[in-house]
Amino acid sequence: MRYLYLLACLTFGLFIPSEAKAGFDCKRDGNQRELNKCADEDLSKSDLELKEKLGNDEVFKKWRAGRDAICDHITKEQFNGGSIRPMMIAGCRSRLNSEAQRFCLTGDPKCG
């Protein structure tokens, strides 16, 4: 539980989609629909990378369930009903994937 709380705290203010995507030109000045698509592509890549590093589909499913619950809760509180919410959810999920890889898969003692 401590680990999930740490990850939830790390997500605030860290939702930035990357600029360049293969097959789709992500632009910081694109419309919200384009930015949402870019964030979804980032999340798909992040999910694949984490799933490969974990090497266990069941663990990955459980990770996704917890991660998704955290991000859904956080974004509902801040962006409920807004067109930016899908981008914020995807950004949150990507960020938590990144933090899991950074701390937990490297054996860092900060990982709950």
Protein backbone atom coordinates (compact mmCIF):
# COMPACT_ATOMS: atom_id res chain seq x y z
CA MET A 1 0.00 0.00 0.00
CA ARG A 2 2.85 2.36 0.80
CA TYR A 3 4.20 1.76 -2.70
CA LEU A 4 0.89 2.68 -4.35
CA TYR A 5 0.67 5.85 -2.24
CA LEU A 6 4.20 6.83 -3.31
CA LEU A 7 3.32 6.30 -6.96
CA ALA A 8 0.13 8.33 -6.62
CA CYS A 9 2.10 11.21 -5.12
CA LEU A 10 4.64 11.12 -7.95
CA THR A 11 1.96 11.58 -10.61
CA PHE A 12 0.83 15.11 -9.78
CA GLY A 13 2.04 17.61 -12.36
CA LEU A 14 3.96 15.06 -14.42
CA PHE A 15 1.61 14.51 -17.37
CA ILE A 16 3.46 15.67 -20.48
CA PRO A 17 2.98 13.87 -23.78
CA SER A 18 6.08 13.39 -25.89
CA GLU A 19 6.41 15.36 -29.12
CA ALA A 20 7.38 12.85 -31.79
CA LYS A 21 5.45 9.73 -32.75
CA ALA A 22 5.92 7.28 -35.60
CA GLY A 23 3.07 7.58 -38.08
CA PHE A 24 1.49 10.53 -36.30
CA ASP A 25 2.97 13.95 -35.86
CA CYS A 26 2.42 14.97 -32.25
CA LYS A 27 2.61 18.70 -31.81
CA ARG A 28 2.42 20.68 -28.62
CA ASP A 29 0.10 23.06 -30.43
CA GLY A 30 -2.18 20.29 -31.78
CA ASN A 31 -5.83 20.10 -30.85
CA GLN A 32 -6.92 18.16 -27.78
CA ARG A 33 -7.96 15.11 -29.79
CA GLU A 34 -4.46 14.90 -31.30
CA LEU A 35 -2.81 15.32 -27.91
CA ASN A 36 -5.03 12.57 -26.48
CA LYS A 37 -3.94 10.25 -29.31
CA CYS A 38 -0.28 11.03 -28.66
CA ALA A 39 -0.68 10.26 -24.96
CA ASP A 40 -2.41 6.96 -25.80
CA GLU A 41 0.48 5.98 -28.08
CA ASP A 42 2.96 6.78 -25.31
CA LEU A 43 0.96 4.62 -22.91
CA SER A 44 0.84 1.68 -25.33
CA LYS A 45 4.63 1.78 -25.71
CA SER A 46 5.11 2.13 -21.97
CA ASP A 47 2.78 -0.82 -21.27
CA LEU A 48 4.59 -3.05 -23.75
CA GLU A 49 7.99 -2.17 -22.32
CA LEU A 50 6.92 -2.80 -18.72
CA LYS A 51 5.15 -6.04 -19.62
CA GLU A 52 8.29 -7.32 -21.33
CA LYS A 53 10.51 -6.35 -18.39
CA LEU A 54 8.17 -7.99 -15.88
CA GLY A 55 7.96 -11.16 -17.91
CA ASN A 56 4.78 -12.21 -16.09
CA ASP A 57 1.35 -11.52 -17.59
CA GLU A 58 -0.52 -12.08 -14.32
CA VAL A 59 1.65 -9.61 -12.41
CA PHE A 60 1.24 -7.09 -15.22
CA LYS A 61 -2.58 -7.46 -15.12
CA LYS A 62 -2.57 -6.80 -11.38
CA TRP A 63 -0.23 -3.85 -11.83
CA ARG A 64 -2.51 -2.33 -14.48
CA ALA A 65 -5.59 -2.72 -12.27
CA GLY A 66 -3.96 -0.84 -9.39
CA ARG A 67 -2.35 1.77 -11.60
CA ASP A 68 -5.57 2.42 -13.50
CA ALA A 69 -7.55 2.82 -10.28
CA ILE A 70 -5.08 5.41 -8.98
CA CYS A 71 -5.02 7.40 -12.21
CA ASP A 72 -8.78 7.25 -12.70
CA HIS A 73 -9.32 8.57 -9.18
CA ILE A 74 -6.77 11.37 -9.48
CA THR A 75 -7.99 12.56 -12.87
CA LYS A 76 -11.65 12.35 -11.88
CA GLU A 77 -10.97 14.69 -8.99
CA GLN A 78 -9.11 17.21 -11.16
CA PHE A 79 -10.43 16.89 -14.72
CA ASN A 80 -13.90 15.29 -14.55
CA GLY A 81 -15.88 16.08 -17.69
CA GLY A 82 -13.00 17.84 -19.42
CA SER A 83 -11.67 16.97 -22.87
CA ILE A 84 -8.15 16.89 -21.41
CA ARG A 85 -8.98 14.02 -19.04
CA PRO A 86 -8.09 11.17 -21.48
CA MET A 87 -4.64 12.70 -21.99
CA MET A 88 -4.17 13.12 -18.27
CA ILE A 89 -5.19 9.51 -17.56
CA ALA A 90 -2.78 8.18 -20.19
CA GLY A 91 -0.01 10.46 -18.91
CA CYS A 92 -0.56 9.32 -15.34
CA ARG A 93 -0.46 5.66 -16.34
CA SER A 94 2.71 6.13 -18.39
CA ARG A 95 4.36 7.97 -15.53
CA LEU A 96 3.53 5.22 -13.05
CA ASN A 97 4.90 2.62 -15.47
CA SER A 98 8.09 4.65 -15.69
CA GLU A 99 8.37 4.94 -11.92
CA ALA A 100 7.80 1.20 -11.47
CA GLN A 101 10.64 0.50 -13.87
CA ARG A 102 12.89 3.12 -12.34
CA PHE A 103 12.50 2.03 -8.73
CA CYS A 104 11.08 -1.47 -8.52
CA LEU A 105 12.71 -3.27 -11.41
CA THR A 106 16.13 -1.93 -10.49
CA GLY A 107 15.94 -3.18 -6.91
CA ASP A 108 15.80 0.31 -5.42
CA PRO A 109 14.91 0.11 -1.70
CA LYS A 110 12.49 3.04 -2.19
CA CYS A 111 10.10 0.61 -3.87
CA GLY A 112 7.64 -0.25 -1.04
